[in-house]
Amino acid sequence: MPGDDTTRWTVTVSKDTDIAVRSLLAQRGLKKGDLSKFIEDAVKWRVFDQTTTEVREAFVDLTAESLQDLIDEATESVRKDMRKTLGRAAKKES
């Protein structure tokens, strides 16, 4: 990872967690340096899980139809923006 955009963390975990993770990595043929990749992947999944939970809670009072209308509206807006962007890019290439 040297040279790329990384940040060094110092974390503390229980001895049981340390042994469990290192044993899992060893069983899969991964090396010591793969611990950082494992932790980063786990953190990304946890952040994703918490974010989706918060989003679900924010829209819990909407009916399925209202939620679908919001999704359709957002999708159409993004498609419209992409068409404009792609149209400008195509004109520049011409």
N, C-alpha and C. Protein backbone atom coordinates (compact mmCIF):
# COMPACT_ATOMS: atom_id res chain seq x y z
N MET A 1 0.79 -1.20 0.00
CA MET A 1 0.00 0.00 0.00
C MET A 1 0.83 1.27 0.00
N PRO A 2 2.12 1.19 0.23
CA PRO A 2 2.90 2.42 0.24
C PRO A 2 2.75 3.18 -1.07
N GLY A 3 2.66 4.48 -0.94
CA GLY A 3 2.57 5.33 -2.12
C GLY A 3 1.16 5.67 -2.54
N ASP A 4 0.17 4.86 -2.14
CA ASP A 4 -1.19 5.22 -2.51
C ASP A 4 -1.85 6.02 -1.40
N ASP A 5 -3.08 6.36 -1.58
CA ASP A 5 -3.78 7.25 -0.66
C ASP A 5 -4.33 6.45 0.53
N THR A 6 -3.48 6.19 1.51
CA THR A 6 -3.90 5.41 2.67
C THR A 6 -3.66 6.19 3.95
N THR A 7 -4.32 5.75 5.01
CA THR A 7 -4.15 6.32 6.34
C THR A 7 -3.84 5.19 7.30
N ARG A 8 -2.91 5.39 8.17
CA ARG A 8 -2.54 4.37 9.15
C ARG A 8 -3.46 4.50 10.37
N TRP A 9 -4.01 3.37 10.79
CA TRP A 9 -4.84 3.32 11.97
C TRP A 9 -4.14 2.50 13.04
N THR A 10 -4.41 2.82 14.28
CA THR A 10 -4.01 1.96 15.38
C THR A 10 -5.32 1.53 16.03
N VAL A 11 -5.56 0.24 16.02
CA VAL A 11 -6.82 -0.27 16.57
C VAL A 11 -6.52 -1.28 17.67
N THR A 12 -7.45 -1.41 18.56
CA THR A 12 -7.31 -2.37 19.65
C THR A 12 -8.51 -3.31 19.59
N VAL A 13 -8.24 -4.61 19.58
CA VAL A 13 -9.30 -5.61 19.59
C VAL A 13 -8.96 -6.63 20.66
N SER A 14 -9.97 -7.41 21.01
CA SER A 14 -9.73 -8.46 22.01
C SER A 14 -8.80 -9.52 21.43
N LYS A 15 -8.15 -10.24 22.31
CA LYS A 15 -7.25 -11.33 21.89
C LYS A 15 -8.03 -12.37 21.09
N ASP A 16 -9.26 -12.67 21.52
CA ASP A 16 -10.09 -13.66 20.81
C ASP A 16 -10.38 -13.21 19.38
N THR A 17 -10.69 -11.93 19.21
CA THR A 17 -10.95 -11.41 17.87
C THR A 17 -9.70 -11.48 17.01
N ASP A 18 -8.58 -11.13 17.59
CA ASP A 18 -7.30 -11.18 16.87
C ASP A 18 -7.02 -12.60 16.38
N ILE A 19 -7.16 -13.55 17.26
CA ILE A 19 -6.90 -14.95 16.91
C ILE A 19 -7.88 -15.43 15.84
N ALA A 20 -9.15 -15.09 16.01
CA ALA A 20 -10.17 -15.52 15.05
C ALA A 20 -9.90 -14.97 13.65
N VAL A 21 -9.58 -13.68 13.57
CA VAL A 21 -9.34 -13.07 12.26
C VAL A 21 -8.07 -13.62 11.64
N ARG A 22 -7.01 -13.71 12.41
CA ARG A 22 -5.74 -14.22 11.85
C ARG A 22 -5.87 -15.68 11.45
N SER A 23 -6.65 -16.46 12.19
CA SER A 23 -6.88 -17.86 11.83
C SER A 23 -7.67 -17.94 10.52
N LEU A 24 -8.68 -17.12 10.39
CA LEU A 24 -9.48 -17.09 9.17
C LEU A 24 -8.61 -16.73 7.96
N LEU A 25 -7.80 -15.70 8.12
CA LEU A 25 -6.92 -15.28 7.02
C LEU A 25 -5.93 -16.39 6.67
N ALA A 26 -5.39 -17.05 7.67
CA ALA A 26 -4.43 -18.13 7.43
C ALA A 26 -5.09 -19.30 6.71
N GLN A 27 -6.32 -19.64 7.11
CA GLN A 27 -7.05 -20.74 6.47
C GLN A 27 -7.28 -20.47 4.99
N ARG A 28 -7.40 -19.21 4.64
CA ARG A 28 -7.66 -18.83 3.26
C ARG A 28 -6.37 -18.53 2.50
N GLY A 29 -5.24 -18.78 3.13
CA GLY A 29 -3.96 -18.59 2.48
C GLY A 29 -3.54 -17.14 2.37
N LEU A 30 -4.15 -16.28 3.15
CA LEU A 30 -3.81 -14.87 3.11
C LEU A 30 -2.66 -14.59 4.06
N LYS A 31 -1.98 -13.51 3.78
CA LYS A 31 -0.78 -13.18 4.56
C LYS A 31 -1.07 -12.06 5.54
N LYS A 32 -0.06 -11.74 6.34
CA LYS A 32 -0.18 -10.72 7.38
C LYS A 32 -0.68 -9.38 6.81
N GLY A 33 -0.16 -8.96 5.66
CA GLY A 33 -0.55 -7.69 5.06
C GLY A 33 -2.00 -7.64 4.61
N ASP A 34 -2.62 -8.82 4.47
CA ASP A 34 -4.02 -8.86 4.05
C ASP A 34 -4.98 -8.47 5.17
N LEU A 35 -4.47 -8.36 6.38
CA LEU A 35 -5.31 -7.93 7.50
C LEU A 35 -5.88 -6.54 7.24
N SER A 36 -5.07 -5.64 6.72
CA SER A 36 -5.55 -4.28 6.42
C SER A 36 -6.67 -4.31 5.40
N LYS A 37 -6.51 -5.13 4.37
CA LYS A 37 -7.56 -5.24 3.34
C LYS A 37 -8.83 -5.82 3.94
N PHE A 38 -8.68 -6.81 4.80
CA PHE A 38 -9.83 -7.44 5.45
C PHE A 38 -10.59 -6.42 6.30
N ILE A 39 -9.85 -5.65 7.09
CA ILE A 39 -10.47 -4.63 7.95
C ILE A 39 -11.17 -3.57 7.12
N GLU A 40 -10.50 -3.11 6.06
CA GLU A 40 -11.12 -2.08 5.22
C GLU A 40 -12.42 -2.58 4.60
N ASP A 41 -12.41 -3.81 4.12
CA ASP A 41 -13.62 -4.40 3.53
C ASP A 41 -14.73 -4.50 4.58
N ALA A 42 -14.38 -4.95 5.78
CA ALA A 42 -15.36 -5.07 6.85
C ALA A 42 -15.95 -3.71 7.23
N VAL A 43 -15.11 -2.69 7.29
CA VAL A 43 -15.59 -1.35 7.64
C VAL A 43 -16.52 -0.82 6.54
N LYS A 44 -16.14 -1.02 5.28
CA LYS A 44 -17.00 -0.57 4.18
C LYS A 44 -18.38 -1.21 4.25
N TRP A 45 -18.41 -2.53 4.51
CA TRP A 45 -19.69 -3.22 4.61
C TRP A 45 -20.50 -2.72 5.80
N ARG A 46 -19.84 -2.43 6.91
CA ARG A 46 -20.55 -1.93 8.09
C ARG A 46 -21.13 -0.54 7.84
N VAL A 47 -20.36 0.32 7.20
CA VAL A 47 -20.85 1.66 6.86
C VAL A 47 -22.04 1.55 5.90
N PHE A 48 -21.92 0.67 4.90
CA PHE A 48 -23.02 0.46 3.96
C PHE A 48 -24.26 -0.03 4.69
N ASP A 49 -24.10 -1.00 5.59
CA ASP A 49 -25.23 -1.54 6.35
C ASP A 49 -25.91 -0.47 7.20
N GLN A 50 -25.12 0.34 7.89
CA GLN A 50 -25.71 1.39 8.72
C GLN A 50 -26.40 2.46 7.87
N THR A 51 -25.80 2.79 6.73
CA THR A 51 -26.40 3.79 5.85
C THR A 51 -27.74 3.29 5.31
N THR A 52 -27.78 2.04 4.85
CA THR A 52 -29.04 1.53 4.31
C THR A 52 -30.11 1.43 5.40
N THR A 53 -29.70 1.10 6.61
CA THR A 53 -30.65 1.05 7.72
C THR A 53 -31.23 2.44 7.98
N GLU A 54 -30.39 3.46 7.98
CA GLU A 54 -30.86 4.83 8.19
C GLU A 54 -31.80 5.28 7.07
N VAL A 55 -31.47 4.92 5.84
CA VAL A 55 -32.31 5.30 4.71
C VAL A 55 -33.67 4.60 4.81
N ARG A 56 -33.65 3.32 5.13
CA ARG A 56 -34.91 2.59 5.29
C ARG A 56 -35.78 3.23 6.37
N GLU A 57 -35.16 3.60 7.48
CA GLU A 57 -35.91 4.23 8.57
C GLU A 57 -36.48 5.58 8.15
N ALA A 58 -35.75 6.31 7.31
CA ALA A 58 -36.22 7.62 6.87
C ALA A 58 -37.45 7.52 5.97
N PHE A 59 -37.60 6.41 5.27
CA PHE A 59 -38.70 6.26 4.32
C PHE A 59 -39.75 5.26 4.78
N VAL A 60 -39.69 4.85 6.03
CA VAL A 60 -40.59 3.81 6.53
C VAL A 60 -42.06 4.24 6.46
N ASP A 61 -42.36 5.53 6.53
CA ASP A 61 -43.74 5.98 6.53
C ASP A 61 -44.33 6.14 5.13
N LEU A 62 -43.52 5.94 4.09
CA LEU A 62 -44.02 6.05 2.72
C LEU A 62 -44.64 4.74 2.25
N THR A 63 -45.67 4.88 1.44
CA THR A 63 -46.23 3.68 0.83
C THR A 63 -45.27 3.20 -0.26
N ALA A 64 -45.42 1.96 -0.65
CA ALA A 64 -44.57 1.41 -1.70
C ALA A 64 -44.73 2.21 -2.99
N GLU A 65 -45.94 2.63 -3.28
CA GLU A 65 -46.21 3.41 -4.49
C GLU A 65 -45.51 4.78 -4.43
N SER A 66 -45.58 5.45 -3.30
CA SER A 66 -44.93 6.76 -3.15
C SER A 66 -43.42 6.63 -3.27
N LEU A 67 -42.88 5.59 -2.68
CA LEU A 67 -41.45 5.36 -2.75
C LEU A 67 -41.02 5.08 -4.19
N GLN A 68 -41.81 4.28 -4.90
CA GLN A 68 -41.49 3.98 -6.29
C GLN A 68 -41.56 5.25 -7.13
N ASP A 69 -42.52 6.13 -6.86
CA ASP A 69 -42.61 7.41 -7.58
C ASP A 69 -41.35 8.25 -7.36
N LEU A 70 -40.86 8.29 -6.11
CA LEU A 70 -39.62 9.03 -5.82
C LEU A 70 -38.43 8.44 -6.57
N ILE A 71 -38.36 7.12 -6.58
CA ILE A 71 -37.26 6.44 -7.28
C ILE A 71 -37.33 6.72 -8.77
N ASP A 72 -38.52 6.63 -9.34
CA ASP A 72 -38.70 6.90 -10.77
C ASP A 72 -38.32 8.33 -11.12
N GLU A 73 -38.72 9.27 -10.28
CA GLU A 73 -38.41 10.69 -10.51
C GLU A 73 -36.90 10.92 -10.45
N ALA A 74 -36.25 10.34 -9.45
CA ALA A 74 -34.79 10.50 -9.32
C ALA A 74 -34.07 9.85 -10.49
N THR A 75 -34.53 8.68 -10.89
CA THR A 75 -33.91 7.98 -12.02
C THR A 75 -34.03 8.79 -13.29
N GLU A 76 -35.18 9.33 -13.55
CA GLU A 76 -35.39 10.14 -14.76
C GLU A 76 -34.53 11.40 -14.73
N SER A 77 -34.40 12.00 -13.57
CA SER A 77 -33.56 13.20 -13.45
C SER A 77 -32.10 12.87 -13.76
N VAL A 78 -31.60 11.77 -13.23
CA VAL A 78 -30.22 11.37 -13.50
C VAL A 78 -30.04 11.04 -14.97
N ARG A 79 -30.99 10.35 -15.55
CA ARG A 79 -30.90 10.02 -16.98
C ARG A 79 -30.87 11.27 -17.84
N LYS A 80 -31.68 12.24 -17.48
CA LYS A 80 -31.73 13.51 -18.22
C LYS A 80 -30.37 14.21 -18.14
N ASP A 81 -29.81 14.27 -16.94
CA ASP A 81 -28.49 14.88 -16.75
C ASP A 81 -27.42 14.14 -17.54
N MET A 82 -27.47 12.83 -17.54
CA MET A 82 -26.48 12.03 -18.27
C MET A 82 -26.61 12.26 -19.78
N ARG A 83 -27.83 12.35 -20.26
CA ARG A 83 -28.03 12.61 -21.69
C ARG A 83 -27.41 13.95 -22.08
N LYS A 84 -27.62 14.96 -21.24
CA LYS A 84 -27.04 16.28 -21.51
C LYS A 84 -25.52 16.20 -21.52
N THR A 85 -24.97 15.54 -20.50
CA THR A 85 -23.51 15.42 -20.39
C THR A 85 -22.94 14.65 -21.58
N LEU A 86 -23.56 13.55 -21.93
CA LEU A 86 -23.07 12.76 -23.06
C LEU A 86 -23.25 13.50 -24.39
N GLY A 87 -24.33 14.27 -24.48
CA GLY A 87 -24.54 15.07 -25.70
C GLY A 87 -23.48 16.13 -25.87
N ARG A 88 -23.11 16.78 -24.78
CA ARG A 88 -22.02 17.78 -24.84
C ARG A 88 -20.69 17.14 -25.18
N ALA A 89 -20.42 15.98 -24.60
CA ALA A 89 -19.17 15.29 -24.87
C ALA A 89 -19.09 14.86 -26.34
N ALA A 90 -20.22 14.42 -26.89
CA ALA A 90 -20.24 13.99 -28.29
C ALA A 90 -20.00 15.19 -29.22
N LYS A 91 -20.56 16.34 -28.87
CA LYS A 91 -20.38 17.55 -29.69
C LYS A 91 -18.91 17.99 -29.67
N LYS A 92 -18.25 17.86 -28.52
CA LYS A 92 -16.84 18.25 -28.41
C LYS A 92 -15.96 17.34 -29.26
N GLU A 93 -16.33 16.08 -29.38
CA GLU A 93 -15.55 15.13 -30.16
C GLU A 93 -15.71 15.36 -31.68
N SER A 94 -16.83 15.96 -32.05
CA SER A 94 -17.11 16.18 -33.47
C SER A 94 -16.28 17.25 -34.09
